[in-house]
Amino acid sequence: MKHLIGLYVVMVIMVIVTLMDEFILKGEYSAIASWLIVMLFLFGTICFANARYFLSKRYDG
């Protein structure tokens, strides 16, 4: 379950970074924001892979 919560947190941070870049920073740092979003996406992919592995291991018996 902690892996799924981690995945949700990563998605929320991605949305916050996007909104901050567009509305607060007016797109001034869009390259840095894009880089952050890509890194968060990769981290979220790792969380998803871990969750899938542990959940399938749990239910295989």
N, C-alpha and C. Protein backbone atom coordinates (compact mmCIF):
# COMPACT_ATOMS: atom_id res chain seq x y z
N MET A 1 0.82 -1.20 0.00
CA MET A 1 0.00 0.00 0.00
C MET A 1 0.87 1.26 0.00
N LYS A 2 2.02 1.21 0.66
CA LYS A 2 2.86 2.40 0.73
C LYS A 2 3.39 2.78 -0.65
N HIS A 3 3.55 1.81 -1.54
CA HIS A 3 4.01 2.10 -2.89
C HIS A 3 2.93 2.86 -3.67
N LEU A 4 1.68 2.50 -3.46
CA LEU A 4 0.59 3.19 -4.15
C LEU A 4 0.42 4.61 -3.61
N ILE A 5 0.62 4.79 -2.32
CA ILE A 5 0.57 6.13 -1.75
C ILE A 5 1.72 6.97 -2.30
N GLY A 6 2.89 6.37 -2.43
CA GLY A 6 4.03 7.07 -3.02
C GLY A 6 3.75 7.49 -4.45
N LEU A 7 3.10 6.63 -5.20
CA LEU A 7 2.74 6.94 -6.58
C LEU A 7 1.77 8.11 -6.63
N TYR A 8 0.80 8.12 -5.74
CA TYR A 8 -0.16 9.22 -5.69
C TYR A 8 0.53 10.53 -5.31
N VAL A 9 1.45 10.48 -4.37
CA VAL A 9 2.18 11.68 -3.96
C VAL A 9 3.00 12.22 -5.12
N VAL A 10 3.63 11.34 -5.89
CA VAL A 10 4.40 11.78 -7.05
C VAL A 10 3.50 12.48 -8.06
N MET A 11 2.31 11.94 -8.29
CA MET A 11 1.38 12.57 -9.23
C MET A 11 0.95 13.95 -8.74
N VAL A 12 0.69 14.09 -7.46
CA VAL A 12 0.30 15.38 -6.90
C VAL A 12 1.43 16.40 -7.04
N ILE A 13 2.65 15.98 -6.78
CA ILE A 13 3.80 16.89 -6.91
C ILE A 13 3.97 17.32 -8.37
N MET A 14 3.73 16.40 -9.31
CA MET A 14 3.83 16.76 -10.73
C MET A 14 2.81 17.85 -11.08
N VAL A 15 1.61 17.73 -10.59
CA VAL A 15 0.59 18.74 -10.86
C VAL A 15 0.97 20.08 -10.22
N ILE A 16 1.48 20.03 -9.00
CA ILE A 16 1.87 21.26 -8.31
C ILE A 16 3.00 21.96 -9.05
N VAL A 17 4.00 21.20 -9.52
CA VAL A 17 5.10 21.80 -10.28
C VAL A 17 4.58 22.45 -11.54
N THR A 18 3.68 21.79 -12.25
CA THR A 18 3.12 22.35 -13.48
C THR A 18 2.35 23.64 -13.20
N LEU A 19 1.51 23.61 -12.18
CA LEU A 19 0.71 24.80 -11.87
C LEU A 19 1.58 25.95 -11.39
N MET A 20 2.58 25.65 -10.57
CA MET A 20 3.48 26.71 -10.11
C MET A 20 4.23 27.34 -11.27
N ASP A 21 4.69 26.53 -12.20
CA ASP A 21 5.43 27.07 -13.34
C ASP A 21 4.55 27.96 -14.20
N GLU A 22 3.33 27.55 -14.44
CA GLU A 22 2.47 28.30 -15.34
C GLU A 22 1.85 29.53 -14.69
N PHE A 23 1.39 29.42 -13.46
CA PHE A 23 0.61 30.51 -12.87
C PHE A 23 1.42 31.41 -11.95
N ILE A 24 2.38 30.86 -11.24
CA ILE A 24 3.16 31.69 -10.32
C ILE A 24 4.41 32.25 -11.01
N LEU A 25 5.12 31.39 -11.74
CA LEU A 25 6.37 31.81 -12.37
C LEU A 25 6.18 32.27 -13.81
N LYS A 26 4.97 32.22 -14.33
CA LYS A 26 4.62 32.66 -15.69
C LYS A 26 5.45 32.00 -16.77
N GLY A 27 5.85 30.76 -16.56
CA GLY A 27 6.58 30.01 -17.57
C GLY A 27 8.05 30.39 -17.70
N GLU A 28 8.56 31.16 -16.75
CA GLU A 28 9.96 31.60 -16.81
C GLU A 28 10.94 30.43 -16.69
N TYR A 29 10.58 29.45 -15.91
CA TYR A 29 11.46 28.31 -15.66
C TYR A 29 10.87 27.02 -16.20
N SER A 30 10.33 27.09 -17.38
CA SER A 30 9.63 25.92 -17.94
C SER A 30 10.59 24.76 -18.21
N ALA A 31 11.85 25.04 -18.55
CA ALA A 31 12.80 23.96 -18.80
C ALA A 31 13.11 23.21 -17.50
N ILE A 32 13.28 23.95 -16.43
CA ILE A 32 13.55 23.30 -15.13
C ILE A 32 12.33 22.52 -14.67
N ALA A 33 11.15 23.10 -14.86
CA ALA A 33 9.92 22.41 -14.48
C ALA A 33 9.74 21.14 -15.30
N SER A 34 10.04 21.19 -16.58
CA SER A 34 9.92 20.00 -17.42
C SER A 34 10.90 18.92 -16.97
N TRP A 35 12.11 19.32 -16.64
CA TRP A 35 13.10 18.36 -16.14
C TRP A 35 12.62 17.72 -14.85
N LEU A 36 12.07 18.53 -13.95
CA LEU A 36 11.54 17.99 -12.69
C LEU A 36 10.40 17.01 -12.93
N ILE A 37 9.53 17.33 -13.86
CA ILE A 37 8.39 16.46 -14.15
C ILE A 37 8.87 15.13 -14.74
N VAL A 38 9.88 15.17 -15.59
CA VAL A 38 10.43 13.92 -16.14
C VAL A 38 11.04 13.07 -15.02
N MET A 39 11.78 13.69 -14.12
CA MET A 39 12.38 12.94 -13.01
C MET A 39 11.29 12.37 -12.09
N LEU A 40 10.25 13.14 -11.84
CA LEU A 40 9.15 12.63 -11.03
C LEU A 40 8.42 11.49 -11.73
N PHE A 41 8.29 11.59 -13.05
CA PHE A 41 7.67 10.51 -13.81
C PHE A 41 8.48 9.22 -13.68
N LEU A 42 9.80 9.34 -13.78
CA LEU A 42 10.65 8.15 -13.63
C LEU A 42 10.54 7.57 -12.22
N PHE A 43 10.50 8.43 -11.21
CA PHE A 43 10.33 7.97 -9.84
C PHE A 43 8.97 7.30 -9.66
N GLY A 44 7.94 7.86 -10.28
CA GLY A 44 6.60 7.25 -10.22
C GLY A 44 6.57 5.91 -10.91
N THR A 45 7.32 5.76 -11.99
CA THR A 45 7.41 4.48 -12.68
C THR A 45 8.04 3.43 -11.78
N ILE A 46 9.06 3.82 -11.04
CA ILE A 46 9.69 2.90 -10.08
C ILE A 46 8.70 2.52 -8.99
N CYS A 47 7.94 3.48 -8.48
CA CYS A 47 6.91 3.17 -7.47
C CYS A 47 5.87 2.21 -8.02
N PHE A 48 5.46 2.42 -9.27
CA PHE A 48 4.48 1.54 -9.89
C PHE A 48 5.02 0.13 -10.05
N ALA A 49 6.27 0.01 -10.49
CA ALA A 49 6.88 -1.31 -10.66
C ALA A 49 6.99 -2.02 -9.32
N ASN A 50 7.39 -1.30 -8.28
CA ASN A 50 7.49 -1.90 -6.95
C ASN A 50 6.11 -2.34 -6.45
N ALA A 51 5.11 -1.50 -6.64
CA ALA A 51 3.76 -1.85 -6.19
C ALA A 51 3.25 -3.08 -6.93
N ARG A 52 3.49 -3.12 -8.22
CA ARG A 52 3.03 -4.27 -9.00
C ARG A 52 3.72 -5.55 -8.55
N TYR A 53 5.02 -5.46 -8.28
CA TYR A 53 5.78 -6.63 -7.84
C TYR A 53 5.29 -7.11 -6.48
N PHE A 54 5.17 -6.20 -5.52
CA PHE A 54 4.78 -6.60 -4.17
C PHE A 54 3.33 -7.05 -4.09
N LEU A 55 2.45 -6.40 -4.84
CA LEU A 55 1.05 -6.81 -4.81
C LEU A 55 0.84 -8.16 -5.49
N SER A 56 1.55 -8.41 -6.58
CA SER A 56 1.42 -9.72 -7.23
C SER A 56 2.03 -10.81 -6.38
N LYS A 57 3.10 -10.50 -5.68
CA LYS A 57 3.74 -11.47 -4.79
C LYS A 57 2.83 -11.80 -3.62
N ARG A 58 2.11 -10.80 -3.14
CA ARG A 58 1.22 -10.97 -1.99
C ARG A 58 0.03 -11.88 -2.35
N TYR A 59 -0.52 -11.73 -3.55
CA TYR A 59 -1.72 -12.46 -3.91
C TYR A 59 -1.46 -13.78 -4.62
N ASP A 60 -0.19 -14.06 -4.96
CA ASP A 60 0.13 -15.33 -5.60
C ASP A 60 0.07 -16.49 -4.61
N GLY A 61 0.26 -16.17 -3.36
CA GLY A 61 0.07 -17.20 -2.35
C GLY A 61 1.31 -17.85 -1.94
